[in-house]
Amino acid sequence: MRVTSQMVMRRAAENNTSCIDCHKGIAHQLSDMKGAHNPLFDTLVSAAHGLTLENQQ
């Protein structure tokens, strides 16, 4: 992802903006993440490790 895109995405996340808010009706392919390292994503994956989805009411 380009640096300018990263900056915009970070600002959107800080404002609790969803992808759809900016990309209404636009479909695009996911970026090629091969070899990429994203510490925030690694933290998210680590935090989610061991969690299961259950129907809780």
PDB file of N, CA and C in Angstrom:
ATOM      1  N   MET A   1       0.860  -1.174   0.000  1.00  0.00           N
ATOM      2  CA  MET A   1       0.000   0.000   0.000  1.00  0.00           C
ATOM      3  C   MET A   1       0.906   1.238   0.000  1.00  0.00           C
ATOM      4  N   ARG A   2       0.537   2.204  -0.798  1.00  0.00           N
ATOM      5  CA  ARG A   2       1.328   3.436  -0.863  1.00  0.00           C
ATOM      6  C   ARG A   2       1.276   4.180   0.471  1.00  0.00           C
ATOM      7  N   VAL A   3       2.299   4.959   0.739  1.00  0.00           N
ATOM      8  CA  VAL A   3       2.379   5.716   1.994  1.00  0.00           C
ATOM      9  C   VAL A   3       1.187   6.650   2.144  1.00  0.00           C
ATOM     10  N   THR A   4       0.788   7.306   1.070  1.00  0.00           N
ATOM     11  CA  THR A   4      -0.361   8.219   1.159  1.00  0.00           C
ATOM     12  C   THR A   4      -1.635   7.456   1.497  1.00  0.00           C
ATOM     13  N   SER A   5      -1.779   6.259   0.936  1.00  0.00           N
ATOM     14  CA  SER A   5      -2.945   5.433   1.254  1.00  0.00           C
ATOM     15  C   SER A   5      -2.929   5.015   2.715  1.00  0.00           C
ATOM     16  N   GLN A   6      -1.755   4.651   3.215  1.00  0.00           N
ATOM     17  CA  GLN A   6      -1.624   4.266   4.615  1.00  0.00           C
ATOM     18  C   GLN A   6      -2.031   5.410   5.537  1.00  0.00           C
ATOM     19  N   MET A   7      -1.642   6.621   5.182  1.00  0.00           N
ATOM     20  CA  MET A   7      -1.975   7.789   6.001  1.00  0.00           C
ATOM     21  C   MET A   7      -3.487   8.011   6.031  1.00  0.00           C
ATOM     22  N   VAL A   8      -4.127   7.892   4.875  1.00  0.00           N
ATOM     23  CA  VAL A   8      -5.570   8.077   4.795  1.00  0.00           C
ATOM     24  C   VAL A   8      -6.292   6.983   5.576  1.00  0.00           C
ATOM     25  N   MET A   9      -5.819   5.741   5.429  1.00  0.00           N
ATOM     26  CA  MET A   9      -6.438   4.620   6.141  1.00  0.00           C
ATOM     27  C   MET A   9      -6.289   4.783   7.655  1.00  0.00           C
ATOM     28  N   ARG A  10      -5.136   5.235   8.106  1.00  0.00           N
ATOM     29  CA  ARG A  10      -4.909   5.444   9.542  1.00  0.00           C
ATOM     30  C   ARG A  10      -5.860   6.507  10.079  1.00  0.00           C
ATOM     31  N   ARG A  11      -6.012   7.597   9.328  1.00  0.00           N
ATOM     32  CA  ARG A  11      -6.914   8.677   9.741  1.00  0.00           C
ATOM     33  C   ARG A  11      -8.359   8.178   9.782  1.00  0.00           C
ATOM     34  N   ALA A  12      -8.737   7.374   8.797  1.00  0.00           N
ATOM     35  CA  ALA A  12     -10.087   6.817   8.756  1.00  0.00           C
ATOM     36  C   ALA A  12     -10.330   5.915   9.966  1.00  0.00           C
ATOM     37  N   ALA A  13      -9.338   5.094  10.305  1.00  0.00           N
ATOM     38  CA  ALA A  13      -9.485   4.204  11.464  1.00  0.00           C
ATOM     39  C   ALA A  13      -9.630   5.003  12.751  1.00  0.00           C
ATOM     40  N   GLU A  14      -8.875   6.081  12.871  1.00  0.00           N
ATOM     41  CA  GLU A  14      -8.966   6.930  14.069  1.00  0.00           C
ATOM     42  C   GLU A  14     -10.347   7.559  14.203  1.00  0.00           C
ATOM     43  N   ASN A  15     -11.023   7.780  13.065  1.00  0.00           N
ATOM     44  CA  ASN A  15     -12.364   8.376  13.066  1.00  0.00           C
ATOM     45  C   ASN A  15     -13.469   7.325  12.998  1.00  0.00           C
ATOM     46  N   ASN A  16     -13.086   6.049  13.186  1.00  0.00           N
ATOM     47  CA  ASN A  16     -14.039   4.945  13.160  1.00  0.00           C
ATOM     48  C   ASN A  16     -14.821   4.895  11.839  1.00  0.00           C
ATOM     49  N   THR A  17     -14.122   5.167  10.750  1.00  0.00           N
ATOM     50  CA  THR A  17     -14.708   5.147   9.412  1.00  0.00           C
ATOM     51  C   THR A  17     -14.514   3.757   8.819  1.00  0.00           C
ATOM     52  N   SER A  18     -15.542   3.228   8.190  1.00  0.00           N
ATOM     53  CA  SER A  18     -15.420   1.904   7.588  1.00  0.00           C
ATOM     54  C   SER A  18     -14.912   2.017   6.155  1.00  0.00           C
ATOM     55  N   CYS A  19     -14.499   0.896   5.613  1.00  0.00           N
ATOM     56  CA  CYS A  19     -14.047   0.854   4.216  1.00  0.00           C
ATOM     57  C   CYS A  19     -15.151   1.343   3.277  1.00  0.00           C
ATOM     58  N   ILE A  20     -16.369   0.918   3.566  1.00  0.00           N
ATOM     59  CA  ILE A  20     -17.505   1.240   2.702  1.00  0.00           C
ATOM     60  C   ILE A  20     -17.778   2.742   2.681  1.00  0.00           C
ATOM     61  N   ASP A  21     -17.491   3.445   3.761  1.00  0.00           N
ATOM     62  CA  ASP A  21     -17.706   4.891   3.784  1.00  0.00           C
ATOM     63  C   ASP A  21     -16.952   5.588   2.655  1.00  0.00           C
ATOM     64  N   CYS A  22     -15.767   5.098   2.332  1.00  0.00           N
ATOM     65  CA  CYS A  22     -14.957   5.715   1.276  1.00  0.00           C
ATOM     66  C   CYS A  22     -15.030   4.978  -0.056  1.00  0.00           C
ATOM     67  N   HIS A  23     -15.339   3.682  -0.002  1.00  0.00           N
ATOM     68  CA  HIS A  23     -15.300   2.858  -1.208  1.00  0.00           C
ATOM     69  C   HIS A  23     -16.680   2.358  -1.606  1.00  0.00           C
ATOM     70  N   LYS A  24     -17.674   3.189  -1.478  1.00  0.00           N
ATOM     71  CA  LYS A  24     -19.047   2.789  -1.812  1.00  0.00           C
ATOM     72  C   LYS A  24     -19.142   2.323  -3.257  1.00  0.00           C
ATOM     73  N   GLY A  25     -19.541   1.060  -3.421  1.00  0.00           N
ATOM     74  CA  GLY A  25     -19.761   0.524  -4.765  1.00  0.00           C
ATOM     75  C   GLY A  25     -18.511   0.246  -5.565  1.00  0.00           C
ATOM     76  N   ILE A  26     -17.367   0.378  -4.974  1.00  0.00           N
ATOM     77  CA  ILE A  26     -16.118   0.152  -5.703  1.00  0.00           C
ATOM     78  C   ILE A  26     -15.513  -1.163  -5.238  1.00  0.00           C
ATOM     79  N   ALA A  27     -15.284  -2.047  -6.163  1.00  0.00           N
ATOM     80  CA  ALA A  27     -14.644  -3.321  -5.833  1.00  0.00           C
ATOM     81  C   ALA A  27     -13.206  -3.270  -6.319  1.00  0.00           C
ATOM     82  N   HIS A  28     -12.296  -3.717  -5.501  1.00  0.00           N
ATOM     83  CA  HIS A  28     -10.910  -3.782  -5.914  1.00  0.00           C
ATOM     84  C   HIS A  28     -10.247  -4.988  -5.294  1.00  0.00           C
ATOM     85  N   GLN A  29      -9.145  -5.398  -5.863  1.00  0.00           N
ATOM     86  CA  GLN A  29      -8.433  -6.576  -5.381  1.00  0.00           C
ATOM     87  C   GLN A  29      -7.626  -6.214  -4.140  1.00  0.00           C
ATOM     88  N   LEU A  30      -7.435  -7.205  -3.290  1.00  0.00           N
ATOM     89  CA  LEU A  30      -6.592  -7.013  -2.121  1.00  0.00           C
ATOM     90  C   LEU A  30      -5.145  -6.852  -2.556  1.00  0.00           C
ATOM     91  N   SER A  31      -4.402  -6.100  -1.790  1.00  0.00           N
ATOM     92  CA  SER A  31      -2.985  -5.911  -2.068  1.00  0.00           C
ATOM     93  C   SER A  31      -2.243  -7.221  -1.888  1.00  0.00           C
ATOM     94  N   ASP A  32      -1.157  -7.388  -2.633  1.00  0.00           N
ATOM     95  CA  ASP A  32      -0.309  -8.551  -2.471  1.00  0.00           C
ATOM     96  C   ASP A  32       0.503  -8.364  -1.194  1.00  0.00           C
ATOM     97  N   MET A  33       0.247  -9.195  -0.210  1.00  0.00           N
ATOM     98  CA  MET A  33       0.890  -9.040   1.100  1.00  0.00           C
ATOM     99  C   MET A  33       2.060  -9.996   1.287  1.00  0.00           C
ATOM    100  N   LYS A  34       2.493 -10.671   0.228  1.00  0.00           N
ATOM    101  CA  LYS A  34       3.606 -11.608   0.340  1.00  0.00           C
ATOM    102  C   LYS A  34       4.861 -10.869   0.784  1.00  0.00           C
ATOM    103  N   GLY A  35       5.443 -11.332   1.845  1.00  0.00           N
ATOM    104  CA  GLY A  35       6.684 -10.737   2.338  1.00  0.00           C
ATOM    105  C   GLY A  35       6.487  -9.453   3.118  1.00  0.00           C
ATOM    106  N   ALA A  36       5.265  -8.984   3.238  1.00  0.00           N
ATOM    107  CA  ALA A  36       5.003  -7.742   3.971  1.00  0.00           C
ATOM    108  C   ALA A  36       4.945  -8.033   5.462  1.00  0.00           C
ATOM    109  N   HIS A  37       5.347  -7.056   6.245  1.00  0.00           N
ATOM    110  CA  HIS A  37       5.286  -7.198   7.694  1.00  0.00           C
ATOM    111  C   HIS A  37       4.512  -6.012   8.249  1.00  0.00           C
ATOM    112  N   ASN A  38       3.425  -6.307   8.944  1.00  0.00           N
ATOM    113  CA  ASN A  38       2.596  -5.260   9.524  1.00  0.00           C
ATOM    114  C   ASN A  38       2.446  -5.546  11.016  1.00  0.00           C
ATOM    115  N   PRO A  39       3.145  -4.800  11.865  1.00  0.00           N
ATOM    116  CA  PRO A  39       3.098  -5.061  13.305  1.00  0.00           C
ATOM    117  C   PRO A  39       1.692  -4.980  13.892  1.00  0.00           C
ATOM    118  N   LEU A  40       0.854  -4.069  13.397  1.00  0.00           N
ATOM    119  CA  LEU A  40      -0.505  -3.963  13.919  1.00  0.00           C
ATOM    120  C   LEU A  40      -1.321  -5.213  13.591  1.00  0.00           C
ATOM    121  N   PHE A  41      -1.141  -5.731  12.375  1.00  0.00           N
ATOM    122  CA  PHE A  41      -1.836  -6.957  11.999  1.00  0.00           C
ATOM    123  C   PHE A  41      -1.340  -8.130  12.835  1.00  0.00           C
ATOM    124  N   ASP A  42      -0.034  -8.189  13.057  1.00  0.00           N
ATOM    125  CA  ASP A  42       0.530  -9.249  13.892  1.00  0.00           C
ATOM    126  C   ASP A  42      -0.053  -9.205  15.300  1.00  0.00           C
ATOM    127  N   THR A  43      -0.243  -8.007  15.848  1.00  0.00           N
ATOM    128  CA  THR A  43      -0.836  -7.848  17.176  1.00  0.00           C
ATOM    129  C   THR A  43      -2.271  -8.336  17.176  1.00  0.00           C
ATOM    130  N   LEU A  44      -3.018  -8.007  16.137  1.00  0.00           N
ATOM    131  CA  LEU A  44      -4.407  -8.444  16.024  1.00  0.00           C
ATOM    132  C   LEU A  44      -4.499  -9.965  15.946  1.00  0.00           C
ATOM    133  N   VAL A  45      -3.659 -10.569  15.131  1.00  0.00           N
ATOM    134  CA  VAL A  45      -3.661 -12.019  15.002  1.00  0.00           C
ATOM    135  C   VAL A  45      -3.305 -12.666  16.333  1.00  0.00           C
ATOM    136  N   SER A  46      -2.330 -12.110  17.019  1.00  0.00           N
ATOM    137  CA  SER A  46      -1.928 -12.643  18.317  1.00  0.00           C
ATOM    138  C   SER A  46      -3.069 -12.548  19.331  1.00  0.00           C
ATOM    139  N   ALA A  47      -3.760 -11.419  19.349  1.00  0.00           N
ATOM    140  CA  ALA A  47      -4.868 -11.220  20.285  1.00  0.00           C
ATOM    141  C   ALA A  47      -6.033 -12.158  19.968  1.00  0.00           C
ATOM    142  N   ALA A  48      -6.220 -12.488  18.695  1.00  0.00           N
ATOM    143  CA  ALA A  48      -7.331 -13.336  18.290  1.00  0.00           C
ATOM    144  C   ALA A  48      -7.012 -14.825  18.427  1.00  0.00           C
ATOM    145  N   HIS A  49      -5.746 -15.149  18.599  1.00  0.00           N
ATOM    146  CA  HIS A  49      -5.335 -16.557  18.688  1.00  0.00           C
ATOM    147  C   HIS A  49      -6.074 -17.267  19.825  1.00  0.00           C
ATOM    148  N   GLY A  50      -6.682 -18.373  19.488  1.00  0.00           N
ATOM    149  CA  GLY A  50      -7.376 -19.161  20.496  1.00  0.00           C
ATOM    150  C   GLY A  50      -8.833 -18.773  20.706  1.00  0.00           C
ATOM    151  N   LEU A  51      -9.283 -17.681  20.115  1.00  0.00           N
ATOM    152  CA  LEU A  51     -10.685 -17.296  20.246  1.00  0.00           C
ATOM    153  C   LEU A  51     -11.534 -18.147  19.310  1.00  0.00           C
ATOM    154  N   THR A  52     -12.758 -18.408  19.710  1.00  0.00           N
ATOM    155  CA  THR A  52     -13.682 -19.137  18.849  1.00  0.00           C
ATOM    156  C   THR A  52     -14.952 -18.332  18.690  1.00  0.00           C
ATOM    157  N   LEU A  53     -15.631 -18.546  17.594  1.00  0.00           N
ATOM    158  CA  LEU A  53     -16.903 -17.896  17.352  1.00  0.00           C
ATOM    159  C   LEU A  53     -18.020 -18.806  17.823  1.00  0.00           C
ATOM    160  N   GLU A  54     -18.849 -18.289  18.676  1.00  0.00           N
ATOM    161  CA  GLU A  54     -19.972 -19.067  19.182  1.00  0.00           C
ATOM    162  C   GLU A  54     -21.210 -18.186  19.161  1.00  0.00           C
ATOM    163  N   ASN A  55     -22.340 -18.805  18.995  1.00  0.00           N
ATOM    164  CA  ASN A  55     -23.598 -18.067  19.020  1.00  0.00           C
ATOM    165  C   ASN A  55     -23.982 -17.827  20.473  1.00  0.00           C
ATOM    166  N   GLN A  56     -23.732 -16.629  20.950  1.00  0.00           N
ATOM    167  CA  GLN A  56     -24.033 -16.311  22.337  1.00  0.00           C
ATOM    168  C   GLN A  56     -25.238 -15.396  22.378  1.00  0.00           C
ATOM    169  N   GLN A  57     -26.192 -15.720  23.265  1.00  0.00           N
ATOM    170  CA  GLN A  57     -27.387 -14.884  23.377  1.00  0.00           C
ATOM    171  C   GLN A  57     -27.570 -14.437  24.799  1.00  0.00           C
TER     172      GLN A  57
END
